[in-house]
Amino acid sequence: MTLVEAAEFLFVSRAHVKKLVESGRLIEVMPRNACRTPDIDVASGEMYKAELDTVRGAYLDSQTEDDDPMVH
């Protein structure tokens, strides 16, 4: 998937996708495309999204009404 597609799929910025590639969290498909922008391995994008979903789910599950910041 392209850098833009990866950003939309993960609901993050293109800059964040670039950082994820640089850190090795997402795998870049080589060689780069004709525009010289990275293409992202679909499987690595799906794995990263699954990790995010797990973390988000755990956070939401840990929240109770007692944690409501609007209640004083």
N, C-alpha and C. Protein backbone atom coordinates (compact mmCIF):
# COMPACT_ATOMS: atom_id res chain seq x y z
N MET A 1 0.84 -1.17 0.00
CA MET A 1 0.00 0.00 0.00
C MET A 1 0.89 1.23 0.00
N THR A 2 0.37 2.31 -0.55
CA THR A 2 1.15 3.54 -0.60
C THR A 2 1.22 4.17 0.79
N LEU A 3 2.07 5.16 0.92
CA LEU A 3 2.20 5.88 2.18
C LEU A 3 0.87 6.52 2.57
N VAL A 4 0.18 7.11 1.60
CA VAL A 4 -1.12 7.74 1.87
C VAL A 4 -2.15 6.70 2.28
N GLU A 5 -2.18 5.58 1.58
CA GLU A 5 -3.12 4.51 1.93
C GLU A 5 -2.84 3.98 3.33
N ALA A 6 -1.57 3.83 3.67
CA ALA A 6 -1.21 3.34 5.00
C ALA A 6 -1.66 4.32 6.07
N ALA A 7 -1.46 5.61 5.83
CA ALA A 7 -1.88 6.63 6.79
C ALA A 7 -3.40 6.59 7.00
N GLU A 8 -4.15 6.46 5.91
CA GLU A 8 -5.60 6.39 6.01
C GLU A 8 -6.04 5.10 6.71
N PHE A 9 -5.41 3.99 6.39
CA PHE A 9 -5.75 2.70 6.98
C PHE A 9 -5.51 2.70 8.48
N LEU A 10 -4.39 3.31 8.90
CA LEU A 10 -4.03 3.33 10.31
C LEU A 10 -4.61 4.54 11.05
N PHE A 11 -5.21 5.46 10.30
CA PHE A 11 -5.77 6.69 10.85
C PHE A 11 -4.70 7.50 11.59
N VAL A 12 -3.56 7.66 10.91
CA VAL A 12 -2.44 8.46 11.41
C VAL A 12 -1.95 9.35 10.27
N SER A 13 -1.03 10.25 10.57
CA SER A 13 -0.49 11.13 9.53
C SER A 13 0.54 10.41 8.68
N ARG A 14 0.81 10.97 7.51
CA ARG A 14 1.86 10.42 6.64
C ARG A 14 3.21 10.50 7.34
N ALA A 15 3.44 11.59 8.08
CA ALA A 15 4.70 11.74 8.82
C ALA A 15 4.86 10.62 9.84
N HIS A 16 3.76 10.23 10.48
CA HIS A 16 3.84 9.15 11.46
C HIS A 16 4.15 7.82 10.78
N VAL A 17 3.56 7.60 9.61
CA VAL A 17 3.86 6.38 8.86
C VAL A 17 5.34 6.33 8.52
N LYS A 18 5.91 7.46 8.09
CA LYS A 18 7.34 7.51 7.79
C LYS A 18 8.17 7.15 9.01
N LYS A 19 7.77 7.65 10.18
CA LYS A 19 8.49 7.32 11.42
C LYS A 19 8.37 5.84 11.75
N LEU A 20 7.19 5.27 11.49
CA LEU A 20 6.99 3.84 11.75
C LEU A 20 7.87 3.00 10.82
N VAL A 21 8.05 3.45 9.58
CA VAL A 21 8.93 2.74 8.65
C VAL A 21 10.37 2.87 9.13
N GLU A 22 10.78 4.08 9.50
CA GLU A 22 12.15 4.30 9.96
C GLU A 22 12.48 3.49 11.20
N SER A 23 11.48 3.31 12.08
CA SER A 23 11.72 2.56 13.32
C SER A 23 11.60 1.05 13.12
N GLY A 24 11.14 0.64 11.92
CA GLY A 24 11.00 -0.79 11.65
C GLY A 24 9.66 -1.37 12.05
N ARG A 25 8.74 -0.55 12.55
CA ARG A 25 7.41 -1.05 12.94
C ARG A 25 6.59 -1.42 11.70
N LEU A 26 6.80 -0.68 10.60
CA LEU A 26 6.19 -1.01 9.31
C LEU A 26 7.31 -1.35 8.35
N ILE A 27 7.05 -2.28 7.46
CA ILE A 27 8.08 -2.73 6.52
C ILE A 27 7.86 -2.07 5.17
N GLU A 28 8.93 -1.48 4.65
CA GLU A 28 8.88 -0.85 3.33
C GLU A 28 9.16 -1.89 2.27
N VAL A 29 8.35 -1.89 1.22
CA VAL A 29 8.56 -2.78 0.08
C VAL A 29 9.59 -2.11 -0.82
N MET A 30 10.63 -2.85 -1.19
CA MET A 30 11.68 -2.30 -2.03
C MET A 30 11.62 -2.95 -3.40
N PRO A 31 12.05 -2.33 -4.46
CA PRO A 31 12.54 -0.96 -4.50
C PRO A 31 11.38 0.02 -4.40
N ARG A 32 11.70 1.26 -4.10
CA ARG A 32 10.68 2.30 -4.00
C ARG A 32 9.96 2.47 -5.33
N ASN A 33 8.77 3.00 -5.28
CA ASN A 33 7.98 3.18 -6.49
C ASN A 33 8.56 4.31 -7.35
N ALA A 34 7.97 4.55 -8.50
CA ALA A 34 8.49 5.54 -9.45
C ALA A 34 8.52 6.95 -8.88
N CYS A 35 7.66 7.25 -7.93
CA CYS A 35 7.64 8.58 -7.31
C CYS A 35 8.66 8.71 -6.18
N ARG A 36 9.37 7.62 -5.91
CA ARG A 36 10.40 7.57 -4.86
C ARG A 36 9.82 7.67 -3.45
N THR A 37 8.52 7.40 -3.32
CA THR A 37 7.91 7.35 -2.00
C THR A 37 7.81 5.89 -1.58
N PRO A 38 7.82 5.64 -0.30
CA PRO A 38 7.79 4.24 0.15
C PRO A 38 6.43 3.58 -0.09
N ASP A 39 6.47 2.31 -0.40
CA ASP A 39 5.28 1.46 -0.39
C ASP A 39 5.40 0.59 0.85
N ILE A 40 4.28 0.41 1.52
CA ILE A 40 4.28 -0.30 2.80
C ILE A 40 3.74 -1.72 2.59
N ASP A 41 4.42 -2.69 3.19
CA ASP A 41 3.98 -4.07 3.17
C ASP A 41 2.62 -4.17 3.86
N VAL A 42 1.63 -4.71 3.16
CA VAL A 42 0.26 -4.77 3.67
C VAL A 42 0.20 -5.56 4.98
N ALA A 43 0.88 -6.67 5.04
CA ALA A 43 0.83 -7.51 6.25
C ALA A 43 1.37 -6.76 7.47
N SER A 44 2.43 -5.98 7.30
CA SER A 44 2.98 -5.24 8.44
C SER A 44 2.00 -4.15 8.87
N GLY A 45 1.29 -3.55 7.91
CA GLY A 45 0.27 -2.56 8.25
C GLY A 45 -0.88 -3.16 9.02
N GLU A 46 -1.31 -4.33 8.58
CA GLU A 46 -2.40 -5.03 9.26
C GLU A 46 -2.00 -5.45 10.67
N MET A 47 -0.76 -5.92 10.83
CA MET A 47 -0.28 -6.32 12.16
C MET A 47 -0.22 -5.12 13.10
N TYR A 48 0.30 -3.99 12.59
CA TYR A 48 0.40 -2.80 13.42
C TYR A 48 -1.00 -2.31 13.82
N LYS A 49 -1.94 -2.34 12.89
CA LYS A 49 -3.31 -1.92 13.20
C LYS A 49 -3.93 -2.83 14.24
N ALA A 50 -3.67 -4.13 14.15
CA ALA A 50 -4.20 -5.07 15.14
C ALA A 50 -3.63 -4.76 16.53
N GLU A 51 -2.34 -4.42 16.59
CA GLU A 51 -1.72 -4.03 17.87
C GLU A 51 -2.40 -2.79 18.43
N LEU A 52 -2.62 -1.78 17.57
CA LEU A 52 -3.28 -0.55 18.01
C LEU A 52 -4.69 -0.85 18.53
N ASP A 53 -5.42 -1.69 17.80
CA ASP A 53 -6.78 -2.03 18.21
C ASP A 53 -6.79 -2.74 19.56
N THR A 54 -5.81 -3.61 19.79
CA THR A 54 -5.71 -4.32 21.07
C THR A 54 -5.44 -3.34 22.20
N VAL A 55 -4.52 -2.43 21.99
CA VAL A 55 -4.17 -1.44 23.02
C VAL A 55 -5.36 -0.52 23.29
N ARG A 56 -6.01 -0.06 22.24
CA ARG A 56 -7.17 0.81 22.41
C ARG A 56 -8.29 0.08 23.15
N GLY A 57 -8.52 -1.16 22.77
CA GLY A 57 -9.56 -1.95 23.43
C GLY A 57 -9.27 -2.16 24.91
N ALA A 58 -8.03 -2.45 25.23
CA ALA A 58 -7.65 -2.65 26.64
C ALA A 58 -7.85 -1.37 27.43
N TYR A 59 -7.49 -0.25 26.83
CA TYR A 59 -7.68 1.03 27.52
C TYR A 59 -9.16 1.28 27.77
N LEU A 60 -9.98 1.11 26.73
CA LEU A 60 -11.40 1.36 26.89
C LEU A 60 -12.02 0.41 27.91
N ASP A 61 -11.58 -0.83 27.92
CA ASP A 61 -12.09 -1.81 28.89
C ASP A 61 -11.70 -1.44 30.32
N SER A 62 -10.58 -0.74 30.48
CA SER A 62 -10.11 -0.39 31.82
C SER A 62 -10.84 0.82 32.39
N GLN A 63 -11.56 1.53 31.57
CA GLN A 63 -12.25 2.74 32.02
C GLN A 63 -13.58 2.40 32.67
N THR A 64 -13.87 3.11 33.76
CA THR A 64 -15.14 2.95 34.44
C THR A 64 -15.78 4.33 34.59
N GLU A 65 -17.00 4.36 35.04
CA GLU A 65 -17.64 5.65 35.28
C GLU A 65 -16.90 6.43 36.35
N ASP A 66 -16.19 5.74 37.23
CA ASP A 66 -15.40 6.41 38.27
C ASP A 66 -14.26 7.21 37.67
N ASP A 67 -13.84 6.86 36.44
CA ASP A 67 -12.74 7.55 35.78
C ASP A 67 -13.20 8.75 34.97
N ASP A 68 -14.50 9.06 35.01
CA ASP A 68 -15.06 10.14 34.20
C ASP A 68 -14.52 11.49 34.66
N PRO A 69 -13.73 12.18 33.81
CA PRO A 69 -13.15 13.46 34.22
C PRO A 69 -14.19 14.58 34.35
N MET A 70 -15.39 14.38 33.80
CA MET A 70 -16.40 15.42 33.85
C MET A 70 -17.14 15.46 35.19
N VAL A 71 -17.00 14.42 35.98
CA VAL A 71 -17.66 14.34 37.27
C VAL A 71 -16.72 14.90 38.32
N HIS A 72 -17.23 15.81 39.12
CA HIS A 72 -16.39 16.42 40.17
C HIS A 72 -16.79 15.95 41.52
